[in-house]
Amino acid sequence: MHKHHSALGLATAPFNSARGIALAERPVDPVTLIRPHAASRAARYFVEKFPGTSMYAVKANPSPALLRVLWASGITHYDVASIAEVRLVAQTLPGATLCFMHPVKAEEAIAAAYHEHGVRVFSLDSLEELDKIMRATGNAADLTLCVRLRVSSEHSKLSLASKFGAAPGETRQLLFAARQAADALGICFHVGSQAMTPEAYAQAMERVRAAIVDAAVTVDVVDVGGGFPSSYPGMEPPPLDRYFETIHRAFESLPISYSAELWAEPGRALCAEYSSLIVRVEKRRGSELYINDGAYGALFDAAHIGWRFPVALLREPDSGARDMEFSFYGPTCDDMDHMAGPFLLPADVQAGDYVEIGMLGAYGAAMRTAFNGFGSGKTMVVDDEPMTSLYLDDAIEPVPSNVVTL
């Protein structure tokens, strides 16, 4: 019934779309749909258009199948934040360059990364972390050390401004000390997740400029971190090339080494379009739909930070009813298993209907648990298009049609 997808070791559905699977298989459990062509397209966009090196932020989706797609599409560097991620990528992609970009690491993790897995790039935001890195690596002389600056998250939907990053009064001494210890000195920052304007990066680069001038050090790497957005209901960002242009202009004007490198750490932007979810409506209560995945599954962000994802009713023929606003309850016994939305679906949706929830490639699968005995289900490869995309106008090669005949 299913043909084997050789590249990923997963089943490809007989009807290669969300609607086709829902109507043909009537699945009892949630079905995760993955779209290798969408992740490949996003990776090629960054490889070809970002004016520097793009490293994938593994935390966004650590699936080995996705890692192999990104590698095959030209992503050679990977931002790892734990020794488990180091081991995962080293095992999955032996030729990858690993960059340990968590600013606070266990000394044992640093030692294992350096001595066992060849990691040479580490981030830090304090003198204590610098001392730890030097002890753990035996005062290695081949390190690239990236000092993380604290920058504003005001232009981003999720702040990353409070936990990490050296404050302005701390950077001069830290940059000077790291320069003495490093083979290559870098400066990095993170503007926050889902940055909605390129201005976020322009402002952060001014902070980089001030830090360099204040410390009077030669900088070899500027890493603009993550934050590159994807498109969600109510969060439609400008085209990514505007972000790239803003970053490039700012980088070119910095007082840095002529041979300095520009890096970025896209996570969401590379994997959000990779995955979606088919869920079944188990009950309707007014404008509330009880579905079979939720806050403890792939919809953590929808529940805990109010993220809105695109949704579509998978019914044949299409409903003619007007759309109305719904909220979701997940399958567990916990009241917190609630996704307020609002999610726009036809007003006649009912128990037994199937709904596709899109743009879950970033953080959806990564946050899933088996709480209350839920969380199982198939993963299937499909070749239809994601529900929304920032890359379709820049497709490098034709992609499969979305049309499915049942």
Protein backbone atom coordinates (compact mmCIF):
# COMPACT_ATOMS: atom_id res chain seq x y z
CA MET A 1 0.00 0.00 0.00
CA HIS A 2 2.88 2.36 0.79
CA LYS A 3 5.99 2.81 -1.25
CA HIS A 4 9.31 3.21 0.54
CA HIS A 5 10.89 6.66 0.61
CA SER A 6 14.52 5.66 0.18
CA ALA A 7 16.15 8.90 1.26
CA LEU A 8 14.41 9.06 4.63
CA GLY A 9 13.42 5.49 5.41
CA LEU A 10 9.77 6.51 5.81
CA ALA A 11 6.54 5.57 4.12
CA THR A 12 5.14 7.72 1.35
CA ALA A 13 1.37 7.78 1.33
CA PRO A 14 -0.59 6.47 -1.68
CA PHE A 15 -2.26 9.90 -1.83
CA ASN A 16 0.59 12.34 -1.37
CA SER A 17 -1.31 15.16 0.32
CA ALA A 18 -2.97 15.91 3.63
CA ARG A 19 -6.44 15.64 2.13
CA GLY A 20 -5.61 12.41 0.35
CA ILE A 21 -4.34 10.75 3.52
CA ALA A 22 -7.25 11.92 5.66
CA LEU A 23 -9.90 10.72 3.23
CA ALA A 24 -8.21 7.49 2.19
CA GLU A 25 -6.92 6.27 5.56
CA ARG A 26 -9.30 7.86 8.11
CA PRO A 27 -6.50 7.75 10.74
CA VAL A 28 -7.47 7.28 14.37
CA ASP A 29 -4.27 8.89 15.70
CA PRO A 30 -2.61 12.13 14.62
CA VAL A 31 -0.47 11.88 11.49
CA THR A 32 2.68 13.96 11.13
CA LEU A 33 3.30 14.96 7.53
CA ILE A 34 6.80 15.86 6.42
CA ARG A 35 7.76 17.67 3.23
CA PRO A 36 11.43 17.15 2.38
CA HIS A 37 11.10 19.35 -0.71
CA ALA A 38 9.98 22.31 1.43
CA ALA A 39 12.95 22.02 3.80
CA SER A 40 15.29 21.59 0.85
CA ARG A 41 13.90 24.71 -0.81
CA ALA A 42 14.37 26.76 2.37
CA ALA A 43 17.93 25.48 2.80
CA ARG A 44 18.86 26.30 -0.79
CA TYR A 45 17.43 29.80 -0.33
CA PHE A 46 19.72 30.46 2.63
CA VAL A 47 22.74 28.79 1.02
CA GLU A 48 22.36 30.81 -2.17
CA LYS A 49 21.09 34.16 -0.84
CA PHE A 50 22.39 34.73 2.68
CA PRO A 51 25.71 36.61 2.30
CA GLY A 52 27.63 34.33 4.64
CA THR A 53 27.46 30.91 6.32
CA SER A 54 24.09 29.57 7.49
CA MET A 55 24.21 27.06 10.34
CA TYR A 56 21.03 25.20 11.25
CA ALA A 57 19.82 25.62 14.84
CA VAL A 58 19.20 21.96 15.68
CA LYS A 59 16.90 22.66 18.65
CA ALA A 60 14.14 23.78 16.26
CA ASN A 61 13.73 20.24 14.95
CA PRO A 62 16.35 17.55 15.69
CA SER A 63 14.91 14.92 13.35
CA PRO A 64 17.74 12.94 11.70
CA ALA A 65 15.67 12.77 8.50
CA LEU A 66 15.50 16.58 8.41
CA LEU A 67 19.21 16.92 9.20
CA ARG A 68 20.00 14.75 6.18
CA VAL A 69 17.72 16.83 3.93
CA LEU A 70 19.42 20.06 5.02
CA TRP A 71 22.88 18.56 4.54
CA ALA A 72 21.99 17.35 1.05
CA SER A 73 20.74 20.87 0.27
CA GLY A 74 24.00 22.56 1.24
CA ILE A 75 23.80 23.27 4.98
CA THR A 76 27.21 22.24 6.34
CA HIS A 77 27.26 23.99 9.75
CA TYR A 78 25.03 23.13 12.71
CA ASP A 79 24.30 25.15 15.86
CA VAL A 80 24.20 22.63 18.71
CA ALA A 81 23.21 23.56 22.25
CA SER A 82 23.89 20.39 24.25
CA ILE A 83 26.23 17.42 24.19
CA ALA A 84 23.26 15.28 23.12
CA GLU A 85 22.80 17.50 20.04
CA VAL A 86 26.55 17.32 19.39
CA ARG A 87 26.38 13.52 19.39
CA LEU A 88 23.21 13.42 17.30
CA VAL A 89 24.60 15.57 14.50
CA ALA A 90 28.05 13.95 14.64
CA GLN A 91 26.44 10.54 14.23
CA THR A 92 23.95 11.61 11.56
CA LEU A 93 26.26 13.87 9.54
CA PRO A 94 29.90 12.89 10.18
CA GLY A 95 31.20 15.66 7.91
CA ALA A 96 29.27 18.51 9.53
CA THR A 97 30.88 21.45 11.29
CA LEU A 98 29.45 21.72 14.80
CA CYS A 99 29.25 25.01 16.68
CA PHE A 100 28.42 24.81 20.41
CA MET A 101 26.47 28.05 20.72
CA HIS A 102 24.90 27.69 24.18
CA PRO A 103 26.59 30.35 26.36
CA VAL A 104 26.40 28.27 29.58
CA LYS A 105 27.69 24.72 29.25
CA ALA A 106 28.76 21.93 31.56
CA GLU A 107 32.53 21.61 31.64
CA GLU A 108 32.20 17.91 30.85
CA ALA A 109 30.10 18.74 27.79
CA ILE A 110 32.75 21.17 26.51
CA ALA A 111 35.49 18.58 27.00
CA ALA A 112 33.54 15.84 25.23
CA ALA A 113 32.61 18.13 22.36
CA TYR A 114 36.20 19.26 21.87
CA HIS A 115 38.12 16.04 22.46
CA GLU A 116 35.64 13.46 21.12
CA HIS A 117 33.74 15.28 18.37
CA GLY A 118 36.11 17.90 17.02
CA VAL A 119 34.07 20.92 18.07
CA ARG A 120 36.15 24.08 17.84
CA VAL A 121 33.50 26.83 17.98
CA PHE A 122 32.05 27.82 21.36
CA SER A 123 29.98 30.77 22.52
CA LEU A 124 30.22 32.46 25.91
CA ASP A 125 28.90 35.51 27.72
CA SER A 126 31.07 35.66 30.84
CA LEU A 127 34.67 35.40 32.02
CA GLU A 128 33.65 32.34 34.05
CA GLU A 129 32.54 30.55 30.88
CA LEU A 130 35.77 31.52 29.14
CA ASP A 131 37.79 30.01 32.00
CA LYS A 132 35.64 26.88 31.83
CA ILE A 133 36.19 26.48 28.08
CA MET A 134 39.95 26.89 28.43
CA ARG A 135 40.15 24.34 31.26
CA ALA A 136 37.96 21.82 29.46
CA THR A 137 39.95 22.06 26.21
CA GLY A 138 43.38 22.07 27.87
CA ASN A 139 44.01 25.69 26.84
CA ALA A 140 43.56 24.77 23.20
CA ALA A 141 45.06 27.15 20.65
CA ASP A 142 42.60 26.38 17.84
CA LEU A 143 39.35 27.77 19.23
CA THR A 144 36.83 30.11 17.66
CA LEU A 145 35.25 31.89 20.62
CA CYS A 146 32.04 33.86 20.03
CA VAL A 147 31.16 36.39 22.71
CA ARG A 148 27.38 36.77 22.95
CA LEU A 149 26.06 40.29 23.40
CA ARG A 150 22.71 41.10 24.94
CA VAL A 151 20.51 42.86 22.40
CA SER A 152 16.89 43.96 22.26
CA SER A 153 14.06 41.56 21.38
CA GLU A 154 11.53 44.36 20.91
CA HIS A 155 10.92 43.48 17.25
CA SER A 156 10.43 39.74 17.86
CA LYS A 157 7.43 37.69 18.90
CA LEU A 158 9.45 35.68 21.45
CA SER A 159 12.07 37.45 23.54
CA LEU A 160 15.53 36.00 24.06
CA ALA A 161 16.93 39.14 25.71
CA SER A 162 16.87 38.26 29.39
CA LYS A 163 18.67 34.94 29.84
CA PHE A 164 21.94 35.25 27.90
CA GLY A 165 24.30 37.91 26.67
CA ALA A 166 26.97 40.21 28.08
CA ALA A 167 25.66 43.64 29.05
CA PRO A 168 27.37 46.79 27.71
CA GLY A 169 29.48 47.30 30.82
CA GLU A 170 30.82 43.74 30.66
CA THR A 171 31.86 43.44 27.04
CA ARG A 172 35.20 45.27 26.93
CA GLN A 173 37.00 43.02 29.41
CA LEU A 174 35.33 39.88 28.05
CA LEU A 175 36.17 40.62 24.41
CA PHE A 176 39.76 41.46 25.30
CA ALA A 177 40.20 38.24 27.31
CA ALA A 178 38.56 36.12 24.62
CA ARG A 179 40.78 37.73 21.98
CA GLN A 180 43.87 36.64 23.91
CA ALA A 181 42.60 33.05 24.22
CA ALA A 182 41.03 32.56 20.79
CA ASP A 183 42.50 31.62 17.46
CA ALA A 184 39.49 33.43 15.95
CA LEU A 185 37.29 35.87 17.86
CA GLY A 186 33.60 36.16 17.12
CA ILE A 187 30.71 38.28 18.32
CA CYS A 188 27.22 36.80 18.31
CA PHE A 189 23.74 37.83 19.41
CA HIS A 190 20.11 36.73 19.13
CA VAL A 191 17.35 39.22 18.37
CA GLY A 192 14.62 36.83 19.54
CA SER A 193 12.46 34.29 17.74
CA GLN A 194 10.22 35.34 14.83
CA ALA A 195 11.73 38.78 14.20
CA MET A 196 9.11 40.70 12.28
CA THR A 197 11.35 43.41 10.80
CA PRO A 198 14.92 43.59 9.46
CA GLU A 199 15.39 46.59 11.73
CA ALA A 200 15.96 44.15 14.60
CA TYR A 201 19.25 43.13 13.01
CA ALA A 202 20.26 46.69 12.11
CA GLN A 203 19.87 47.74 15.75
CA ALA A 204 21.78 44.69 17.00
CA MET A 205 24.64 45.36 14.58
CA GLU A 206 24.96 48.88 16.03
CA ARG A 207 25.44 47.21 19.41
CA VAL A 208 28.17 45.04 17.82
CA ARG A 209 29.84 48.16 16.39
CA ALA A 210 29.88 49.88 19.77
CA ALA A 211 31.33 46.80 21.48
CA ILE A 212 34.13 46.46 18.91
CA VAL A 213 35.08 50.13 19.10
CA ASP A 214 34.99 50.10 22.90
CA ALA A 215 37.18 47.00 23.23
CA ALA A 216 39.48 47.84 20.28
CA VAL A 217 39.81 44.18 19.27
CA THR A 218 40.11 42.50 15.89
CA VAL A 219 36.98 40.48 15.18
CA ASP A 220 37.05 37.53 12.78
CA VAL A 221 33.39 36.37 12.92
CA VAL A 222 30.08 38.17 13.29
CA ASP A 223 27.21 35.75 13.97
CA VAL A 224 23.76 37.36 13.70
CA GLY A 225 22.10 34.36 15.36
CA GLY A 226 18.57 33.24 14.62
CA GLY A 227 15.20 34.95 14.61
CA PHE A 228 14.56 34.64 10.88
CA PRO A 229 10.78 34.37 10.61
CA SER A 230 8.23 32.16 8.96
CA SER A 231 4.67 33.05 8.01
CA TYR A 232 1.74 32.40 10.37
CA PRO A 233 -1.80 33.83 10.63
CA GLY A 234 -1.43 37.40 11.85
CA MET A 235 2.36 37.21 11.55
CA GLU A 236 3.23 37.75 7.90
CA PRO A 237 6.82 39.05 7.77
CA PRO A 238 8.59 40.94 4.98
CA PRO A 239 10.53 38.86 2.39
CA LEU A 240 13.67 37.28 3.79
CA ASP A 241 15.91 38.94 1.20
CA ARG A 242 15.19 42.26 2.94
CA TYR A 243 16.63 40.81 6.13
CA PHE A 244 19.68 39.60 4.23
CA GLU A 245 20.21 42.99 2.58
CA THR A 246 19.97 44.82 5.92
CA ILE A 247 22.41 42.42 7.58
CA HIS A 248 24.87 42.62 4.69
CA ARG A 249 24.91 46.43 4.68
CA ALA A 250 25.50 46.54 8.42
CA PHE A 251 28.21 43.88 8.26
CA GLU A 252 30.06 45.67 5.48
CA SER A 253 30.24 48.85 7.57
CA LEU A 254 31.62 47.25 10.75
CA PRO A 255 35.21 47.93 11.85
CA ILE A 256 36.30 44.30 11.48
CA SER A 257 38.97 42.24 9.79
CA TYR A 258 38.92 42.36 5.99
CA SER A 259 38.61 38.55 5.97
CA ALA A 260 35.96 38.42 8.70
CA GLU A 261 33.13 35.93 8.21
CA LEU A 262 29.39 36.49 8.53
CA TRP A 263 27.35 33.69 10.11
CA ALA A 264 23.66 33.12 10.90
CA GLU A 265 21.75 30.48 12.86
CA PRO A 266 18.35 29.97 11.18
CA GLY A 267 16.15 27.40 12.87
CA ARG A 268 12.46 28.15 12.36
CA ALA A 269 13.07 29.57 8.86
CA LEU A 270 14.62 26.31 7.66
CA CYS A 271 12.16 23.84 9.15
CA ALA A 272 8.76 25.44 9.84
CA GLU A 273 7.42 24.49 6.41
CA TYR A 274 8.82 20.95 6.69
CA SER A 275 5.96 19.53 8.75
CA SER A 276 2.24 19.70 9.46
CA LEU A 277 -0.23 17.59 11.39
CA ILE A 278 -3.50 15.84 10.61
CA VAL A 279 -5.79 15.70 13.64
CA ARG A 280 -9.30 14.34 14.08
CA VAL A 281 -12.12 16.22 15.76
CA GLU A 282 -13.43 13.98 18.54
CA LYS A 283 -16.08 16.36 19.88
CA ARG A 284 -17.53 19.78 19.23
CA ARG A 285 -18.89 22.00 22.01
CA GLY A 286 -20.01 25.28 20.51
CA SER A 287 -16.88 27.00 19.25
CA GLU A 288 -14.58 24.52 21.02
CA LEU A 289 -13.16 21.52 19.17
CA TYR A 290 -11.70 18.54 21.02
CA ILE A 291 -8.87 17.15 18.88
CA ASN A 292 -6.43 14.28 19.30
CA ASP A 293 -3.22 16.29 19.65
CA GLY A 294 -2.47 19.29 21.82
CA ALA A 295 -0.35 21.15 24.33
CA TYR A 296 1.63 18.08 25.36
CA GLY A 297 2.06 17.03 21.75
CA ALA A 298 2.98 19.11 18.73
CA LEU A 299 0.90 22.14 19.77
CA PHE A 300 2.93 23.30 22.78
CA ASP A 301 3.41 26.78 21.29
CA ALA A 302 -0.28 27.14 20.46
CA ALA A 303 -1.15 26.48 24.09
CA HIS A 304 1.58 28.13 26.09
CA ILE A 305 2.44 31.23 24.07
CA GLY A 306 -0.77 31.62 22.09
CA TRP A 307 0.83 30.88 18.71
CA ARG A 308 -1.66 30.74 15.86
CA PHE A 309 -1.07 28.12 13.19
CA PRO A 310 -2.82 27.86 9.81
CA VAL A 311 -5.59 25.26 9.71
CA ALA A 312 -7.67 23.65 6.98
CA LEU A 313 -10.66 21.32 7.02
CA LEU A 314 -9.90 18.13 5.10
CA ARG A 315 -13.27 17.20 3.65
CA GLU A 316 -14.52 16.11 0.23
CA PRO A 317 -16.36 17.98 -1.15
CA ASP A 318 -15.19 21.23 0.44
CA SER A 319 -17.49 22.79 3.00
CA GLY A 320 -19.54 25.71 1.72
CA ALA A 321 -20.01 27.13 5.22
CA ARG A 322 -18.53 30.45 6.24
CA ASP A 323 -15.48 30.42 8.49
CA MET A 324 -15.81 31.01 12.21
CA GLU A 325 -13.35 31.19 15.08
CA PHE A 326 -12.63 28.03 17.08
CA SER A 327 -10.45 27.12 20.01
CA PHE A 328 -9.02 23.63 20.53
CA TYR A 329 -8.79 21.23 23.45
CA GLY A 330 -6.18 18.49 23.25
CA PRO A 331 -6.68 14.83 24.20
CA THR A 332 -5.23 14.79 27.73
CA CYS A 333 -7.21 15.20 30.96
CA ASP A 334 -5.48 18.50 31.73
CA ASP A 335 -7.36 21.81 31.47
CA MET A 336 -4.09 23.40 30.37
CA ASP A 337 -4.32 21.31 27.21
CA HIS A 338 -6.08 24.23 25.55
CA MET A 339 -5.20 26.19 22.41
CA ALA A 340 -7.13 29.47 22.40
CA GLY A 341 -6.37 30.37 18.78
CA PRO A 342 -8.55 31.62 17.28
CA PHE A 343 -8.40 29.05 14.48
CA LEU A 344 -10.57 29.79 11.46
CA LEU A 345 -12.51 26.79 10.14
CA PRO A 346 -15.86 26.30 8.36
CA ALA A 347 -18.76 26.73 10.76
CA ASP A 348 -20.10 23.22 10.06
CA VAL A 349 -17.00 21.35 11.29
CA GLN A 350 -18.06 18.39 13.43
CA ALA A 351 -16.85 15.29 15.22
CA GLY A 352 -15.18 12.88 12.82
CA ASP A 353 -13.79 15.64 10.60
CA TYR A 354 -10.08 15.91 9.92
CA VAL A 355 -8.10 19.13 10.18
CA GLU A 356 -4.61 19.90 8.95
CA ILE A 357 -2.56 22.17 11.22
CA GLY A 358 0.33 23.68 9.29
CA MET A 359 3.79 25.14 9.89
CA LEU A 360 4.66 22.73 12.72
CA GLY A 361 8.13 21.79 11.48
CA ALA A 362 9.68 24.22 13.95
CA TYR A 363 9.37 23.16 17.59
CA GLY A 364 6.26 21.02 17.01
CA ALA A 365 7.91 17.60 16.87
CA ALA A 366 10.71 18.76 19.16
CA MET A 367 8.33 19.56 22.03
CA ARG A 368 6.12 16.45 21.81
CA THR A 369 5.68 14.25 24.89
CA ALA A 370 3.75 11.06 25.66
CA PHE A 371 1.91 12.56 28.65
CA ASN A 372 -1.31 10.76 29.57
CA GLY A 373 -0.53 8.03 27.04
CA PHE A 374 -1.02 10.23 23.98
CA GLY A 375 1.57 11.24 21.42
CA SER A 376 1.83 8.24 19.11
CA GLY A 377 0.99 8.26 15.43
CA LYS A 378 2.44 7.83 11.97
CA THR A 379 4.92 10.04 10.21
CA MET A 380 4.40 10.15 6.44
CA VAL A 381 6.16 11.87 3.56
CA VAL A 382 3.98 13.98 1.28
CA ASP A 383 4.83 16.07 -1.76
CA ASP A 384 2.09 18.72 -1.66
CA GLU A 385 2.97 22.26 -0.67
CA PRO A 386 3.01 23.62 2.89
CA MET A 387 -0.01 25.68 3.86
CA THR A 388 2.02 28.88 3.55
CA SER A 389 5.54 29.58 2.32
CA LEU A 390 8.11 32.34 2.15
CA TYR A 391 10.00 30.49 -0.57
CA LEU A 392 7.56 29.57 -3.33
CA ASP A 393 8.42 32.62 -5.46
CA ASP A 394 12.05 31.59 -5.25
CA ALA A 395 11.71 27.93 -6.13
CA ILE A 396 14.91 26.82 -7.80
CA GLU A 397 13.29 23.91 -9.54
CA PRO A 398 9.69 22.88 -10.19
CA VAL A 399 7.95 21.28 -7.24
CA PRO A 400 5.24 18.62 -7.32
CA SER A 401 1.69 19.76 -7.93
CA ASN A 402 -0.71 20.22 -5.06
CA VAL A 403 -3.56 18.67 -7.04
CA VAL A 404 -4.68 15.24 -5.90
CA THR A 405 -7.32 13.20 -7.72
CA LEU A 406 -9.28 10.81 -5.51
